[in-house]
């Protein structure tokens, strides 16, 4: 991924101003900031949930393997 320098960032900012207008940019920035904050909060909650076990939840019974096939694939041909 290429690095964005000063001139490239200015061009991107000008494109945003042309597309959204100067009045909507603060609203757009704050909504993006809230979205990032909520995403990070959700990721953090997911990490804390991984270490927890629910004691009320019953463990599922072990899976029973299927019985072995009576005919091999060579016999079917």
PDB file of N, CA and C in Angstrom:
ATOM      1  N   UNK A   1       0.854  -1.167   0.000  1.00  0.00           N
ATOM      2  CA  UNK A   1       0.000   0.000   0.000  1.00  0.00           C
ATOM      3  C   UNK A   1       0.900   1.231   0.000  1.00  0.00           C
ATOM      4  N   UNK A   2       0.637   2.164  -0.900  1.00  0.00           N
ATOM      5  CA  UNK A   2       1.510   3.336  -0.989  1.00  0.00           C
ATOM      6  C   UNK A   2       1.306   4.265   0.208  1.00  0.00           C
ATOM      7  N   UNK A   3       2.359   4.958   0.562  1.00  0.00           N
ATOM      8  CA  UNK A   3       2.285   5.942   1.640  1.00  0.00           C
ATOM      9  C   UNK A   3       1.658   7.220   1.111  1.00  0.00           C
ATOM     10  N   UNK A   4       0.794   7.823   1.923  1.00  0.00           N
ATOM     11  CA  UNK A   4       0.172   9.085   1.541  1.00  0.00           C
ATOM     12  C   UNK A   4       0.945  10.223   2.183  1.00  0.00           C
ATOM     13  N   UNK A   5       1.427  11.130   1.375  1.00  0.00           N
ATOM     14  CA  UNK A   5       2.150  12.291   1.870  1.00  0.00           C
ATOM     15  C   UNK A   5       1.229  13.486   1.997  1.00  0.00           C
ATOM     16  N   UNK A   6       1.802  14.636   2.226  1.00  0.00           N
ATOM     17  CA  UNK A   6       1.033  15.862   2.396  1.00  0.00           C
ATOM     18  C   UNK A   6       0.203  16.238   1.185  1.00  0.00           C
ATOM     19  N   UNK A   7       0.794  16.267  -0.013  1.00  0.00           N
ATOM     20  CA  UNK A   7       0.003  16.663  -1.188  1.00  0.00           C
ATOM     21  C   UNK A   7      -1.165  15.711  -1.471  1.00  0.00           C
ATOM     22  N   UNK A   8      -0.940  14.435  -1.264  1.00  0.00           N
ATOM     23  CA  UNK A   8      -2.017  13.470  -1.514  1.00  0.00           C
ATOM     24  C   UNK A   8      -3.164  13.657  -0.526  1.00  0.00           C
ATOM     25  N   UNK A   9      -2.825  13.915   0.745  1.00  0.00           N
ATOM     26  CA  UNK A   9      -3.872  14.132   1.749  1.00  0.00           C
ATOM     27  C   UNK A   9      -4.667  15.399   1.455  1.00  0.00           C
ATOM     28  N   UNK A  10      -4.016  16.430   0.964  1.00  0.00           N
ATOM     29  CA  UNK A  10      -4.720  17.666   0.609  1.00  0.00           C
ATOM     30  C   UNK A  10      -5.681  17.410  -0.546  1.00  0.00           C
ATOM     31  N   UNK A  11      -5.257  16.637  -1.526  1.00  0.00           N
ATOM     32  CA  UNK A  11      -6.132  16.307  -2.658  1.00  0.00           C
ATOM     33  C   UNK A  11      -7.340  15.508  -2.181  1.00  0.00           C
ATOM     34  N   UNK A  12      -7.124  14.539  -1.300  1.00  0.00           N
ATOM     35  CA  UNK A  12      -8.232  13.741  -0.769  1.00  0.00           C
ATOM     36  C   UNK A  12      -9.188  14.634   0.013  1.00  0.00           C
ATOM     37  N   UNK A  13      -8.667  15.552   0.817  1.00  0.00           N
ATOM     38  CA  UNK A  13      -9.508  16.473   1.582  1.00  0.00           C
ATOM     39  C   UNK A  13     -10.327  17.366   0.651  1.00  0.00           C
ATOM     40  N   UNK A  14      -9.723  17.857  -0.420  1.00  0.00           N
ATOM     41  CA  UNK A  14     -10.458  18.682  -1.380  1.00  0.00           C
ATOM     42  C   UNK A  14     -11.580  17.895  -2.055  1.00  0.00           C
ATOM     43  N   UNK A  15     -11.328  16.643  -2.353  1.00  0.00           N
ATOM     44  CA  UNK A  15     -12.374  15.804  -2.956  1.00  0.00           C
ATOM     45  C   UNK A  15     -13.535  15.627  -1.986  1.00  0.00           C
ATOM     46  N   UNK A  16     -13.222  15.413  -0.692  1.00  0.00           N
ATOM     47  CA  UNK A  16     -14.287  15.288   0.302  1.00  0.00           C
ATOM     48  C   UNK A  16     -15.088  16.582   0.416  1.00  0.00           C
ATOM     49  N   UNK A  17     -14.424  17.713   0.381  1.00  0.00           N
ATOM     50  CA  UNK A  17     -15.122  18.999   0.462  1.00  0.00           C
ATOM     51  C   UNK A  17     -16.030  19.175  -0.748  1.00  0.00           C
ATOM     52  N   UNK A  18     -15.560  18.798  -1.926  1.00  0.00           N
ATOM     53  CA  UNK A  18     -16.385  18.920  -3.128  1.00  0.00           C
ATOM     54  C   UNK A  18     -17.586  17.980  -3.088  1.00  0.00           C
ATOM     55  N   UNK A  19     -17.385  16.770  -2.578  1.00  0.00           N
ATOM     56  CA  UNK A  19     -18.477  15.799  -2.552  1.00  0.00           C
ATOM     57  C   UNK A  19     -19.511  16.100  -1.475  1.00  0.00           C
ATOM     58  N   UNK A  20     -19.059  16.425  -0.274  1.00  0.00           N
ATOM     59  CA  UNK A  20     -19.978  16.546   0.855  1.00  0.00           C
ATOM     60  C   UNK A  20     -20.275  17.983   1.246  1.00  0.00           C
ATOM     61  N   UNK A  21     -19.461  18.914   0.856  1.00  0.00           N
ATOM     62  CA  UNK A  21     -19.655  20.300   1.256  1.00  0.00           C
ATOM     63  C   UNK A  21     -18.993  20.561   2.598  1.00  0.00           C
ATOM     64  N   UNK A  22     -18.616  21.806   2.816  1.00  0.00           N
ATOM     65  CA  UNK A  22     -17.886  22.167   4.034  1.00  0.00           C
ATOM     66  C   UNK A  22     -18.763  22.056   5.276  1.00  0.00           C
ATOM     67  N   UNK A  23     -20.078  22.208   5.128  1.00  0.00           N
ATOM     68  CA  UNK A  23     -20.968  22.173   6.295  1.00  0.00           C
ATOM     69  C   UNK A  23     -21.174  20.762   6.829  1.00  0.00           C
ATOM     70  N   UNK A  24     -21.105  19.774   5.973  1.00  0.00           N
ATOM     71  CA  UNK A  24     -21.368  18.404   6.410  1.00  0.00           C
ATOM     72  C   UNK A  24     -20.117  17.673   6.882  1.00  0.00           C
ATOM     73  N   UNK A  25     -18.937  18.219   6.622  1.00  0.00           N
ATOM     74  CA  UNK A  25     -17.703  17.535   7.016  1.00  0.00           C
ATOM     75  C   UNK A  25     -17.577  17.332   8.525  1.00  0.00           C
ATOM     76  N   UNK A  26     -17.916  18.317   9.390  1.00  0.00           N
ATOM     77  CA  UNK A  26     -17.825  18.049  10.832  1.00  0.00           C
ATOM     78  C   UNK A  26     -18.767  16.932  11.282  1.00  0.00           C
ATOM     79  N   UNK A  27     -19.979  16.904  10.726  1.00  0.00           N
ATOM     80  CA  UNK A  27     -20.916  15.830  11.065  1.00  0.00           C
ATOM     81  C   UNK A  27     -20.390  14.482  10.596  1.00  0.00           C
ATOM     82  N   UNK A  28     -19.833  14.464   9.411  1.00  0.00           N
ATOM     83  CA  UNK A  28     -19.271  13.232   8.867  1.00  0.00           C
ATOM     84  C   UNK A  28     -18.104  12.749   9.721  1.00  0.00           C
ATOM     85  N   UNK A  29     -17.239  13.672  10.125  1.00  0.00           N
ATOM     86  CA  UNK A  29     -16.096  13.311  10.966  1.00  0.00           C
ATOM     87  C   UNK A  29     -16.519  12.783  12.319  1.00  0.00           C
ATOM     88  N   UNK A  30     -17.526  13.412  12.925  1.00  0.00           N
ATOM     89  CA  UNK A  30     -17.965  12.943  14.243  1.00  0.00           C
ATOM     90  C   UNK A  30     -18.650  11.588  14.147  1.00  0.00           C
ATOM     91  N   UNK A  31     -19.403  11.351  13.085  1.00  0.00           N
ATOM     92  CA  UNK A  31     -20.051  10.045  12.948  1.00  0.00           C
ATOM     93  C   UNK A  31     -19.025   8.949  12.678  1.00  0.00           C
ATOM     94  N   UNK A  32     -17.982   9.259  11.920  1.00  0.00           N
ATOM     95  CA  UNK A  32     -16.911   8.283  11.696  1.00  0.00           C
ATOM     96  C   UNK A  32     -16.186   8.002  13.007  1.00  0.00           C
ATOM     97  N   UNK A  33     -15.934   9.044  13.795  1.00  0.00           N
ATOM     98  CA  UNK A  33     -15.284   8.863  15.096  1.00  0.00           C
ATOM     99  C   UNK A  33     -16.110   8.004  16.029  1.00  0.00           C
ATOM    100  N   UNK A  34     -17.432   8.233  16.068  1.00  0.00           N
ATOM    101  CA  UNK A  34     -18.308   7.403  16.906  1.00  0.00           C
ATOM    102  C   UNK A  34     -18.314   5.959  16.432  1.00  0.00           C
ATOM    103  N   UNK A  35     -18.310   5.771  15.128  1.00  0.00           N
ATOM    104  CA  UNK A  35     -18.299   4.412  14.587  1.00  0.00           C
ATOM    105  C   UNK A  35     -17.021   3.676  14.968  1.00  0.00           C
ATOM    106  N   UNK A  36     -15.892   4.349  14.882  1.00  0.00           N
ATOM    107  CA  UNK A  36     -14.619   3.725  15.258  1.00  0.00           C
ATOM    108  C   UNK A  36     -14.614   3.402  16.746  1.00  0.00           C
ATOM    109  N   UNK A  37     -15.143   4.315  17.562  1.00  0.00           N
ATOM    110  CA  UNK A  37     -15.199   4.090  19.011  1.00  0.00           C
ATOM    111  C   UNK A  37     -16.070   2.874  19.331  1.00  0.00           C
ATOM    112  N   UNK A  38     -17.236   2.777  18.695  1.00  0.00           N
ATOM    113  CA  UNK A  38     -18.118   1.633  18.926  1.00  0.00           C
ATOM    114  C   UNK A  38     -17.484   0.336  18.443  1.00  0.00           C
ATOM    115  N   UNK A  39     -16.768   0.391  17.341  1.00  0.00           N
ATOM    116  CA  UNK A  39     -16.099  -0.800  16.829  1.00  0.00           C
ATOM    117  C   UNK A  39     -15.038  -1.282  17.807  1.00  0.00           C
ATOM    118  N   UNK A  40     -14.224  -0.362  18.300  1.00  0.00           N
ATOM    119  CA  UNK A  40     -13.183  -0.736  19.260  1.00  0.00           C
ATOM    120  C   UNK A  40     -13.794  -1.278  20.547  1.00  0.00           C
ATOM    121  N   UNK A  41     -14.910  -0.694  20.974  1.00  0.00           N
ATOM    122  CA  UNK A  41     -15.595  -1.171  22.178  1.00  0.00           C
ATOM    123  C   UNK A  41     -16.107  -2.591  21.959  1.00  0.00           C
ATOM    124  N   UNK A  42     -16.676  -2.853  20.796  1.00  0.00           N
ATOM    125  CA  UNK A  42     -17.171  -4.193  20.481  1.00  0.00           C
ATOM    126  C   UNK A  42     -16.056  -5.214  20.404  1.00  0.00           C
ATOM    127  N   UNK A  43     -14.931  -4.831  19.830  1.00  0.00           N
ATOM    128  CA  UNK A  43     -13.787  -5.739  19.752  1.00  0.00           C
ATOM    129  C   UNK A  43     -13.270  -6.040  21.151  1.00  0.00           C
ATOM    130  N   UNK A  44     -13.217  -5.024  22.007  1.00  0.00           N
ATOM    131  CA  UNK A  44     -12.759  -5.220  23.379  1.00  0.00           C
ATOM    132  C   UNK A  44     -13.685  -6.135  24.158  1.00  0.00           C
ATOM    133  N   UNK A  45     -15.000  -5.994  23.955  1.00  0.00           N
ATOM    134  CA  UNK A  45     -15.957  -6.875  24.626  1.00  0.00           C
ATOM    135  C   UNK A  45     -15.819  -8.299  24.121  1.00  0.00           C
ATOM    136  N   UNK A  46     -15.538  -8.461  22.847  1.00  0.00           N
ATOM    137  CA  UNK A  46     -15.361  -9.804  22.293  1.00  0.00           C
ATOM    138  C   UNK A  46     -14.153 -10.493  22.886  1.00  0.00           C
ATOM    139  N   UNK A  47     -13.102  -9.743  23.141  1.00  0.00           N
ATOM    140  CA  UNK A  47     -11.899 -10.335  23.728  1.00  0.00           C
ATOM    141  C   UNK A  47     -12.145 -10.765  25.165  1.00  0.00           C
ATOM    142  N   UNK A  48     -12.939  -9.995  25.919  1.00  0.00           N
ATOM    143  CA  UNK A  48     -13.202 -10.384  27.302  1.00  0.00           C
ATOM    144  C   UNK A  48     -14.156 -11.564  27.356  1.00  0.00           C
ATOM    145  N   UNK A  49     -15.027 -11.707  26.362  1.00  0.00           N
ATOM    146  CA  UNK A  49     -15.965 -12.827  26.341  1.00  0.00           C
ATOM    147  C   UNK A  49     -15.282 -14.143  26.004  1.00  0.00           C
ATOM    148  N   UNK A  50     -14.152 -14.105  25.302  1.00  0.00           N
ATOM    149  CA  UNK A  50     -13.478 -15.342  24.907  1.00  0.00           C
ATOM    150  C   UNK A  50     -12.990 -16.129  26.107  1.00  0.00           C
ATOM    151  N   UNK A  51     -12.589 -15.463  27.170  1.00  0.00           N
ATOM    152  CA  UNK A  51     -12.057 -16.147  28.340  1.00  0.00           C
ATOM    153  C   UNK A  51     -13.132 -16.648  29.281  1.00  0.00           C
ATOM    154  N   UNK A  52     -14.351 -16.218  29.097  1.00  0.00           N
ATOM    155  CA  UNK A  52     -15.438 -16.599  29.999  1.00  0.00           C
ATOM    156  C   UNK A  52     -16.065 -17.913  29.569  1.00  0.00           C
ATOM    157  N   UNK A  53     -16.560 -18.643  30.582  1.00  0.00           N
ATOM    158  CA  UNK A  53     -17.363 -19.828  30.300  1.00  0.00           C
ATOM    159  C   UNK A  53     -18.690 -19.647  31.001  1.00  0.00           C
ATOM    160  N   UNK A  54     -19.743 -20.046  30.371  1.00  0.00           N
ATOM    161  CA  UNK A  54     -21.071 -19.910  30.943  1.00  0.00           C
ATOM    162  C   UNK A  54     -21.395 -21.179  31.711  1.00  0.00           C
ATOM    163  N   UNK A  55     -21.472 -21.074  33.041  1.00  0.00           N
ATOM    164  CA  UNK A  55     -21.699 -22.256  33.866  1.00  0.00           C
ATOM    165  C   UNK A  55     -23.128 -22.763  33.749  1.00  0.00           C
ATOM    166  N   UNK A  56     -24.071 -21.865  33.409  1.00  0.00           N
ATOM    167  CA  UNK A  56     -25.464 -22.284  33.281  1.00  0.00           C
ATOM    168  C   UNK A  56     -25.691 -23.109  32.022  1.00  0.00           C
ATOM    169  N   UNK A  57     -24.865 -22.932  31.061  1.00  0.00           N
ATOM    170  CA  UNK A  57     -25.018 -23.618  29.788  1.00  0.00           C
ATOM    171  C   UNK A  57     -24.487 -25.043  29.906  1.00  0.00           C
ATOM    172  N   UNK A  58     -25.293 -26.008  29.493  1.00  0.00           N
ATOM    173  CA  UNK A  58     -24.857 -27.400  29.563  1.00  0.00           C
ATOM    174  C   UNK A  58     -23.871 -27.691  28.443  1.00  0.00           C
ATOM    175  N   UNK A  59     -22.927 -28.541  28.745  1.00  0.00           N
ATOM    176  CA  UNK A  59     -21.969 -28.948  27.724  1.00  0.00           C
ATOM    177  C   UNK A  59     -22.665 -29.880  26.749  1.00  0.00           C
ATOM    178  N   UNK A  60     -22.366 -29.732  25.483  1.00  0.00           N
ATOM    179  CA  UNK A  60     -22.987 -30.600  24.495  1.00  0.00           C
ATOM    180  C   UNK A  60     -22.392 -31.999  24.618  1.00  0.00           C
ATOM    181  N   UNK A  61     -23.211 -33.023  24.391  1.00  0.00           N
ATOM    182  CA  UNK A  61     -22.695 -34.391  24.500  1.00  0.00           C
ATOM    183  C   UNK A  61     -21.653 -34.654  23.416  1.00  0.00           C
ATOM    184  N   UNK A  62     -20.754 -35.582  23.670  1.00  0.00           N
ATOM    185  CA  UNK A  62     -19.732 -35.877  22.655  1.00  0.00           C
ATOM    186  C   UNK A  62     -20.368 -36.418  21.388  1.00  0.00           C
ATOM    187  N   UNK A  63     -19.769 -36.083  20.280  1.00  0.00           N
ATOM    188  CA  UNK A  63     -20.263 -36.534  18.989  1.00  0.00           C
ATOM    189  C   UNK A  63     -19.985 -38.009  18.809  1.00  0.00           C
ATOM    190  N   UNK A  64     -20.947 -38.733  18.259  1.00  0.00           N
ATOM    191  CA  UNK A  64     -20.764 -40.150  17.979  1.00  0.00           C
ATOM    192  C   UNK A  64     -20.298 -40.273  16.538  1.00  0.00           C
ATOM    193  N   UNK A  65     -19.198 -40.968  16.341  1.00  0.00           N
ATOM    194  CA  UNK A  65     -18.692 -41.160  14.990  1.00  0.00           C
ATOM    195  C   UNK A  65     -19.571 -42.148  14.243  1.00  0.00           C
ATOM    196  N   UNK A  66     -19.636 -41.989  12.954  1.00  0.00           N
ATOM    197  CA  UNK A  66     -20.423 -42.882  12.111  1.00  0.00           C
ATOM    198  C   UNK A  66     -19.760 -44.256  12.088  1.00  0.00           C
ATOM    199  N   UNK A  67     -20.563 -45.302  11.961  1.00  0.00           N
ATOM    200  CA  UNK A  67     -19.968 -46.639  11.881  1.00  0.00           C
ATOM    201  C   UNK A  67     -19.150 -46.772  10.598  1.00  0.00           C
ATOM    202  N   UNK A  68     -18.171 -47.641  10.591  1.00  0.00           N
ATOM    203  CA  UNK A  68     -17.350 -47.804   9.391  1.00  0.00           C
ATOM    204  C   UNK A  68     -18.182 -48.320   8.217  1.00  0.00           C
ATOM    205  N   UNK A  69     -17.789 -47.948   7.030  1.00  0.00           N
ATOM    206  CA  UNK A  69     -18.497 -48.374   5.825  1.00  0.00           C
ATOM    207  C   UNK A  69     -18.322 -49.876   5.629  1.00  0.00           C
ATOM    208  N   UNK A  70     -19.376 -50.522   5.145  1.00  0.00           N
ATOM    209  CA  UNK A  70     -19.297 -51.967   4.927  1.00  0.00           C
ATOM    210  C   UNK A  70     -18.665 -52.288   3.588  1.00  0.00           C
ATOM    211  N   UNK A  71     -18.753 -51.355   2.643  1.00  0.00           N
ATOM    212  CA  UNK A  71     -18.139 -51.568   1.338  1.00  0.00           C
ATOM    213  C   UNK A  71     -17.092 -50.487   1.109  1.00  0.00           C
ATOM    214  N   UNK A  72     -16.018 -50.866   0.509  1.00  0.00           N
ATOM    215  CA  UNK A  72     -15.007 -49.870   0.188  1.00  0.00           C
ATOM    216  C   UNK A  72     -15.369 -49.210  -1.142  1.00  0.00           C
ATOM    217  N   UNK A  73     -14.750 -48.111  -1.418  1.00  0.00           N
ATOM    218  CA  UNK A  73     -15.043 -47.408  -2.668  1.00  0.00           C
ATOM    219  C   UNK A  73     -14.586 -48.218  -3.879  1.00  0.00           C
ATOM    220  N   UNK A  74     -13.618 -49.083  -3.697  1.00  0.00           N
ATOM    221  CA  UNK A  74     -13.165 -49.928  -4.805  1.00  0.00           C
ATOM    222  C   UNK A  74     -14.235 -50.952  -5.179  1.00  0.00           C
ATOM    223  N   UNK A  75     -14.983 -51.436  -4.181  1.00  0.00           N
ATOM    224  CA  UNK A  75     -16.019 -52.425  -4.456  1.00  0.00           C
ATOM    225  C   UNK A  75     -17.190 -51.815  -5.219  1.00  0.00           C
ATOM    226  N   UNK A  76     -17.417 -50.534  -5.070  1.00  0.00           N
ATOM    227  CA  UNK A  76     -18.551 -49.893  -5.718  1.00  0.00           C
ATOM    228  C   UNK A  76     -18.317 -49.680  -7.206  1.00  0.00           C
ATOM    229  N   UNK A  77     -17.082 -49.638  -7.651  1.00  0.00           N
ATOM    230  CA  UNK A  77     -16.798 -49.381  -9.063  1.00  0.00           C
ATOM    231  C   UNK A  77     -16.951 -50.627  -9.804  1.00  0.00           C
TER     232      UNK A  77
END
